[in-house]
Amino acid sequence: MNKDQARGQWDRISAKVKQTWGDMTDDELKQAEGNMDELIARIREKYGDSKDAIAEKINRLMED
């Protein structure tokens, strides 16, 4: 996977994250850019869901 493909995948994931967790800001997503652990931590801070539940939901979003 090249940089453009990775960037496109991240853009798709971040759009789906904003649809699923509507209170996530562009700034929060930008700070986590490309780092799934950081993204999960930011969602967890804001919503209080478990790490496993968030990771599972993100994985389902990526499969769609």
PDB file of N, CA and C in Angstrom:
ATOM      1  N   MET A   1       0.848  -1.170   0.000  1.00  0.00           N
ATOM      2  CA  MET A   1       0.000   0.000   0.000  1.00  0.00           C
ATOM      3  C   MET A   1       0.898   1.239   0.000  1.00  0.00           C
ATOM      4  N   ASN A   2       0.625   2.158  -0.933  1.00  0.00           N
ATOM      5  CA  ASN A   2       1.427   3.373  -0.973  1.00  0.00           C
ATOM      6  C   ASN A   2       0.789   4.475  -0.126  1.00  0.00           C
ATOM      7  N   LYS A   3       1.465   5.622  -0.055  1.00  0.00           N
ATOM      8  CA  LYS A   3       0.991   6.714   0.802  1.00  0.00           C
ATOM      9  C   LYS A   3      -0.400   7.200   0.402  1.00  0.00           C
ATOM     10  N   ASP A   4      -0.652   7.302  -0.897  1.00  0.00           N
ATOM     11  CA  ASP A   4      -1.958   7.776  -1.354  1.00  0.00           C
ATOM     12  C   ASP A   4      -3.072   6.808  -0.972  1.00  0.00           C
ATOM     13  N   GLN A   5      -2.797   5.527  -1.065  1.00  0.00           N
ATOM     14  CA  GLN A   5      -3.789   4.526  -0.681  1.00  0.00           C
ATOM     15  C   GLN A   5      -4.052   4.583   0.824  1.00  0.00           C
ATOM     16  N   ALA A   6      -2.990   4.699   1.598  1.00  0.00           N
ATOM     17  CA  ALA A   6      -3.132   4.784   3.050  1.00  0.00           C
ATOM     18  C   ALA A   6      -3.909   6.038   3.428  1.00  0.00           C
ATOM     19  N   ARG A   7      -3.611   7.150   2.789  1.00  0.00           N
ATOM     20  CA  ARG A   7      -4.305   8.412   3.064  1.00  0.00           C
ATOM     21  C   ARG A   7      -5.786   8.282   2.715  1.00  0.00           C
ATOM     22  N   GLY A   8      -6.082   7.657   1.583  1.00  0.00           N
ATOM     23  CA  GLY A   8      -7.463   7.465   1.177  1.00  0.00           C
ATOM     24  C   GLY A   8      -8.215   6.592   2.160  1.00  0.00           C
ATOM     25  N   GLN A   9      -7.568   5.539   2.647  1.00  0.00           N
ATOM     26  CA  GLN A   9      -8.197   4.653   3.623  1.00  0.00           C
ATOM     27  C   GLN A   9      -8.452   5.416   4.929  1.00  0.00           C
ATOM     28  N   TRP A  10      -7.477   6.212   5.373  1.00  0.00           N
ATOM     29  CA  TRP A  10      -7.660   6.984   6.602  1.00  0.00           C
ATOM     30  C   TRP A  10      -8.809   7.976   6.449  1.00  0.00           C
ATOM     31  N   ASP A  11      -8.901   8.645   5.292  1.00  0.00           N
ATOM     32  CA  ASP A  11      -9.980   9.598   5.055  1.00  0.00           C
ATOM     33  C   ASP A  11     -11.341   8.907   5.122  1.00  0.00           C
ATOM     34  N   ARG A  12     -11.428   7.712   4.561  1.00  0.00           N
ATOM     35  CA  ARG A  12     -12.676   6.946   4.575  1.00  0.00           C
ATOM     36  C   ARG A  12     -13.038   6.546   6.008  1.00  0.00           C
ATOM     37  N   ILE A  13     -12.051   6.071   6.748  1.00  0.00           N
ATOM     38  CA  ILE A  13     -12.288   5.666   8.136  1.00  0.00           C
ATOM     39  C   ILE A  13     -12.704   6.869   8.982  1.00  0.00           C
ATOM     40  N   SER A  14     -12.009   7.991   8.838  1.00  0.00           N
ATOM     41  CA  SER A  14     -12.337   9.159   9.665  1.00  0.00           C
ATOM     42  C   SER A  14     -13.730   9.686   9.351  1.00  0.00           C
ATOM     43  N   ALA A  15     -14.151   9.615   8.097  1.00  0.00           N
ATOM     44  CA  ALA A  15     -15.519  10.033   7.754  1.00  0.00           C
ATOM     45  C   ALA A  15     -16.544   9.127   8.426  1.00  0.00           C
ATOM     46  N   LYS A  16     -16.281   7.830   8.422  1.00  0.00           N
ATOM     47  CA  LYS A  16     -17.198   6.891   9.061  1.00  0.00           C
ATOM     48  C   LYS A  16     -17.195   7.059  10.583  1.00  0.00           C
ATOM     49  N   VAL A  17     -16.046   7.377  11.145  1.00  0.00           N
ATOM     50  CA  VAL A  17     -15.958   7.628  12.595  1.00  0.00           C
ATOM     51  C   VAL A  17     -16.812   8.833  12.951  1.00  0.00           C
ATOM     52  N   LYS A  18     -16.734   9.902  12.156  1.00  0.00           N
ATOM     53  CA  LYS A  18     -17.533  11.094  12.437  1.00  0.00           C
ATOM     54  C   LYS A  18     -19.021  10.806  12.302  1.00  0.00           C
ATOM     55  N   GLN A  19     -19.395   9.914  11.384  1.00  0.00           N
ATOM     56  CA  GLN A  19     -20.806   9.546  11.249  1.00  0.00           C
ATOM     57  C   GLN A  19     -21.265   8.734  12.460  1.00  0.00           C
ATOM     58  N   THR A  20     -20.412   7.848  12.941  1.00  0.00           N
ATOM     59  CA  THR A  20     -20.770   6.969  14.049  1.00  0.00           C
ATOM     60  C   THR A  20     -20.693   7.680  15.391  1.00  0.00           C
ATOM     61  N   TRP A  21     -19.615   8.410  15.602  1.00  0.00           N
ATOM     62  CA  TRP A  21     -19.411   9.157  16.847  1.00  0.00           C
ATOM     63  C   TRP A  21     -19.448  10.641  16.476  1.00  0.00           C
ATOM     64  N   GLY A  22     -20.642  11.187  16.388  1.00  0.00           N
ATOM     65  CA  GLY A  22     -20.872  12.528  15.850  1.00  0.00           C
ATOM     66  C   GLY A  22     -20.186  13.667  16.564  1.00  0.00           C
ATOM     67  N   ASP A  23     -19.801  13.488  17.808  1.00  0.00           N
ATOM     68  CA  ASP A  23     -19.159  14.568  18.551  1.00  0.00           C
ATOM     69  C   ASP A  23     -17.647  14.642  18.326  1.00  0.00           C
ATOM     70  N   MET A  24     -17.097  13.718  17.566  1.00  0.00           N
ATOM     71  CA  MET A  24     -15.662  13.768  17.271  1.00  0.00           C
ATOM     72  C   MET A  24     -15.388  14.942  16.332  1.00  0.00           C
ATOM     73  N   THR A  25     -14.405  15.745  16.680  1.00  0.00           N
ATOM     74  CA  THR A  25     -14.090  16.913  15.861  1.00  0.00           C
ATOM     75  C   THR A  25     -13.006  16.577  14.840  1.00  0.00           C
ATOM     76  N   ASP A  26     -12.911  17.421  13.829  1.00  0.00           N
ATOM     77  CA  ASP A  26     -11.846  17.260  12.833  1.00  0.00           C
ATOM     78  C   ASP A  26     -10.477  17.355  13.488  1.00  0.00           C
ATOM     79  N   ASP A  27     -10.347  18.237  14.473  1.00  0.00           N
ATOM     80  CA  ASP A  27      -9.066  18.387  15.176  1.00  0.00           C
ATOM     81  C   ASP A  27      -8.666  17.104  15.898  1.00  0.00           C
ATOM     82  N   GLU A  28      -9.637  16.457  16.557  1.00  0.00           N
ATOM     83  CA  GLU A  28      -9.345  15.208  17.266  1.00  0.00           C
ATOM     84  C   GLU A  28      -8.931  14.113  16.282  1.00  0.00           C
ATOM     85  N   LEU A  29      -9.606  14.057  15.162  1.00  0.00           N
ATOM     86  CA  LEU A  29      -9.241  13.062  14.154  1.00  0.00           C
ATOM     87  C   LEU A  29      -7.873  13.365  13.555  1.00  0.00           C
ATOM     88  N   LYS A  30      -7.590  14.642  13.351  1.00  0.00           N
ATOM     89  CA  LYS A  30      -6.286  15.021  12.798  1.00  0.00           C
ATOM     90  C   LYS A  30      -5.158  14.663  13.763  1.00  0.00           C
ATOM     91  N   GLN A  31      -5.392  14.848  15.066  1.00  0.00           N
ATOM     92  CA  GLN A  31      -4.373  14.520  16.058  1.00  0.00           C
ATOM     93  C   GLN A  31      -4.090  13.020  16.093  1.00  0.00           C
ATOM     94  N   ALA A  32      -5.097  12.219  15.791  1.00  0.00           N
ATOM     95  CA  ALA A  32      -4.937  10.767  15.810  1.00  0.00           C
ATOM     96  C   ALA A  32      -4.544  10.223  14.439  1.00  0.00           C
ATOM     97  N   GLU A  33      -4.397  11.071  13.468  1.00  0.00           N
ATOM     98  CA  GLU A  33      -4.235  10.675  12.070  1.00  0.00           C
ATOM     99  C   GLU A  33      -3.280   9.494  11.867  1.00  0.00           C
ATOM    100  N   GLY A  34      -3.847   8.429  11.332  1.00  0.00           N
ATOM    101  CA  GLY A  34      -3.071   7.248  11.001  1.00  0.00           C
ATOM    102  C   GLY A  34      -2.753   6.332  12.164  1.00  0.00           C
ATOM    103  N   ASN A  35      -3.053   6.740  13.378  1.00  0.00           N
ATOM    104  CA  ASN A  35      -2.724   5.943  14.558  1.00  0.00           C
ATOM    105  C   ASN A  35      -4.024   5.425  15.182  1.00  0.00           C
ATOM    106  N   MET A  36      -4.333   4.164  14.922  1.00  0.00           N
ATOM    107  CA  MET A  36      -5.590   3.583  15.375  1.00  0.00           C
ATOM    108  C   MET A  36      -5.690   3.564  16.905  1.00  0.00           C
ATOM    109  N   ASP A  37      -4.593   3.293  17.594  1.00  0.00           N
ATOM    110  CA  ASP A  37      -4.626   3.294  19.064  1.00  0.00           C
ATOM    111  C   ASP A  37      -4.980   4.678  19.604  1.00  0.00           C
ATOM    112  N   GLU A  38      -4.426   5.706  18.991  1.00  0.00           N
ATOM    113  CA  GLU A  38      -4.721   7.079  19.395  1.00  0.00           C
ATOM    114  C   GLU A  38      -6.184   7.409  19.120  1.00  0.00           C
ATOM    115  N   LEU A  39      -6.694   6.981  17.984  1.00  0.00           N
ATOM    116  CA  LEU A  39      -8.093   7.214  17.644  1.00  0.00           C
ATOM    117  C   LEU A  39      -9.007   6.541  18.658  1.00  0.00           C
ATOM    118  N   ILE A  40      -8.723   5.295  18.973  1.00  0.00           N
ATOM    119  CA  ILE A  40      -9.531   4.562  19.953  1.00  0.00           C
ATOM    120  C   ILE A  40      -9.486   5.264  21.310  1.00  0.00           C
ATOM    121  N   ALA A  41      -8.324   5.727  21.717  1.00  0.00           N
ATOM    122  CA  ALA A  41      -8.188   6.418  23.002  1.00  0.00           C
ATOM    123  C   ALA A  41      -9.017   7.701  23.020  1.00  0.00           C
ATOM    124  N   ARG A  42      -9.016   8.440  21.929  1.00  0.00           N
ATOM    125  CA  ARG A  42      -9.779   9.694  21.877  1.00  0.00           C
ATOM    126  C   ARG A  42     -11.283   9.429  21.907  1.00  0.00           C
ATOM    127  N   ILE A  43     -11.730   8.397  21.204  1.00  0.00           N
ATOM    128  CA  ILE A  43     -13.149   8.035  21.241  1.00  0.00           C
ATOM    129  C   ILE A  43     -13.524   7.581  22.646  1.00  0.00           C
ATOM    130  N   ARG A  44     -12.651   6.804  23.247  1.00  0.00           N
ATOM    131  CA  ARG A  44     -12.900   6.285  24.598  1.00  0.00           C
ATOM    132  C   ARG A  44     -13.023   7.420  25.619  1.00  0.00           C
ATOM    133  N   GLU A  45     -12.147   8.418  25.512  1.00  0.00           N
ATOM    134  CA  GLU A  45     -12.201   9.573  26.409  1.00  0.00           C
ATOM    135  C   GLU A  45     -13.529  10.307  26.283  1.00  0.00           C
ATOM    136  N   LYS A  46     -13.996  10.444  25.069  1.00  0.00           N
ATOM    137  CA  LYS A  46     -15.184  11.241  24.814  1.00  0.00           C
ATOM    138  C   LYS A  46     -16.479  10.482  25.093  1.00  0.00           C
ATOM    139  N   TYR A  47     -16.483   9.184  24.834  1.00  0.00           N
ATOM    140  CA  TYR A  47     -17.727   8.416  24.919  1.00  0.00           C
ATOM    141  C   TYR A  47     -17.750   7.380  26.042  1.00  0.00           C
ATOM    142  N   GLY A  48     -16.595   7.005  26.574  1.00  0.00           N
ATOM    143  CA  GLY A  48     -16.556   6.079  27.692  1.00  0.00           C
ATOM    144  C   GLY A  48     -16.755   4.621  27.328  1.00  0.00           C
ATOM    145  N   ASP A  49     -16.804   4.315  26.046  1.00  0.00           N
ATOM    146  CA  ASP A  49     -16.938   2.920  25.621  1.00  0.00           C
ATOM    147  C   ASP A  49     -15.643   2.165  25.907  1.00  0.00           C
ATOM    148  N   SER A  50     -15.728   0.841  25.949  1.00  0.00           N
ATOM    149  CA  SER A  50     -14.522   0.052  26.180  1.00  0.00           C
ATOM    150  C   SER A  50     -13.653   0.034  24.928  1.00  0.00           C
ATOM    151  N   LYS A  51     -12.374  -0.173  25.140  1.00  0.00           N
ATOM    152  CA  LYS A  51     -11.419  -0.225  24.029  1.00  0.00           C
ATOM    153  C   LYS A  51     -11.811  -1.314  23.036  1.00  0.00           C
ATOM    154  N   ASP A  52     -12.192  -2.480  23.544  1.00  0.00           N
ATOM    155  CA  ASP A  52     -12.564  -3.592  22.669  1.00  0.00           C
ATOM    156  C   ASP A  52     -13.818  -3.282  21.856  1.00  0.00           C
ATOM    157  N   ALA A  53     -14.806  -2.649  22.495  1.00  0.00           N
ATOM    158  CA  ALA A  53     -16.051  -2.303  21.790  1.00  0.00           C
ATOM    159  C   ALA A  53     -15.783  -1.293  20.676  1.00  0.00           C
ATOM    160  N   ILE A  54     -14.944  -0.320  20.951  1.00  0.00           N
ATOM    161  CA  ILE A  54     -14.608   0.688  19.945  1.00  0.00           C
ATOM    162  C   ILE A  54     -13.842   0.050  18.798  1.00  0.00           C
ATOM    163  N   ALA A  55     -12.841  -0.773  19.122  1.00  0.00           N
ATOM    164  CA  ALA A  55     -12.038  -1.425  18.093  1.00  0.00           C
ATOM    165  C   ALA A  55     -12.912  -2.312  17.208  1.00  0.00           C
ATOM    166  N   GLU A  56     -13.837  -3.025  17.817  1.00  0.00           N
ATOM    167  CA  GLU A  56     -14.735  -3.896  17.061  1.00  0.00           C
ATOM    168  C   GLU A  56     -15.613  -3.073  16.117  1.00  0.00           C
ATOM    169  N   LYS A  57     -16.125  -1.953  16.610  1.00  0.00           N
ATOM    170  CA  LYS A  57     -16.977  -1.112  15.792  1.00  0.00           C
ATOM    171  C   LYS A  57     -16.182  -0.487  14.630  1.00  0.00           C
ATOM    172  N   ILE A  58     -14.966  -0.078  14.898  1.00  0.00           N
ATOM    173  CA  ILE A  58     -14.114   0.483  13.834  1.00  0.00           C
ATOM    174  C   ILE A  58     -13.814  -0.590  12.791  1.00  0.00           C
ATOM    175  N   ASN A  59     -13.526  -1.813  13.246  1.00  0.00           N
ATOM    176  CA  ASN A  59     -13.269  -2.893  12.300  1.00  0.00           C
ATOM    177  C   ASN A  59     -14.473  -3.140  11.399  1.00  0.00           C
ATOM    178  N   ARG A  60     -15.682  -3.093  11.972  1.00  0.00           N
ATOM    179  CA  ARG A  60     -16.886  -3.266  11.160  1.00  0.00           C
ATOM    180  C   ARG A  60     -17.047  -2.129  10.173  1.00  0.00           C
ATOM    181  N   LEU A  61     -16.720  -0.905  10.598  1.00  0.00           N
ATOM    182  CA  LEU A  61     -16.798   0.240   9.695  1.00  0.00           C
ATOM    183  C   LEU A  61     -15.824   0.088   8.525  1.00  0.00           C
ATOM    184  N   MET A  62     -14.651  -0.456   8.798  1.00  0.00           N
ATOM    185  CA  MET A  62     -13.642  -0.645   7.763  1.00  0.00           C
ATOM    186  C   MET A  62     -14.057  -1.716   6.758  1.00  0.00           C
ATOM    187  N   GLU A  63     -14.831  -2.687   7.203  1.00  0.00           N
ATOM    188  CA  GLU A  63     -15.261  -3.760   6.313  1.00  0.00           C
ATOM    189  C   GLU A  63     -16.345  -3.310   5.351  1.00  0.00           C
ATOM    190  N   ASP A  64     -17.132  -2.310   5.758  1.00  0.00           N
ATOM    191  CA  ASP A  64     -18.239  -1.828   4.908  1.00  0.00           C
ATOM    192  C   ASP A  64     -17.746  -1.116   3.680  1.00  0.00           C
TER     193      ASP A  64
END
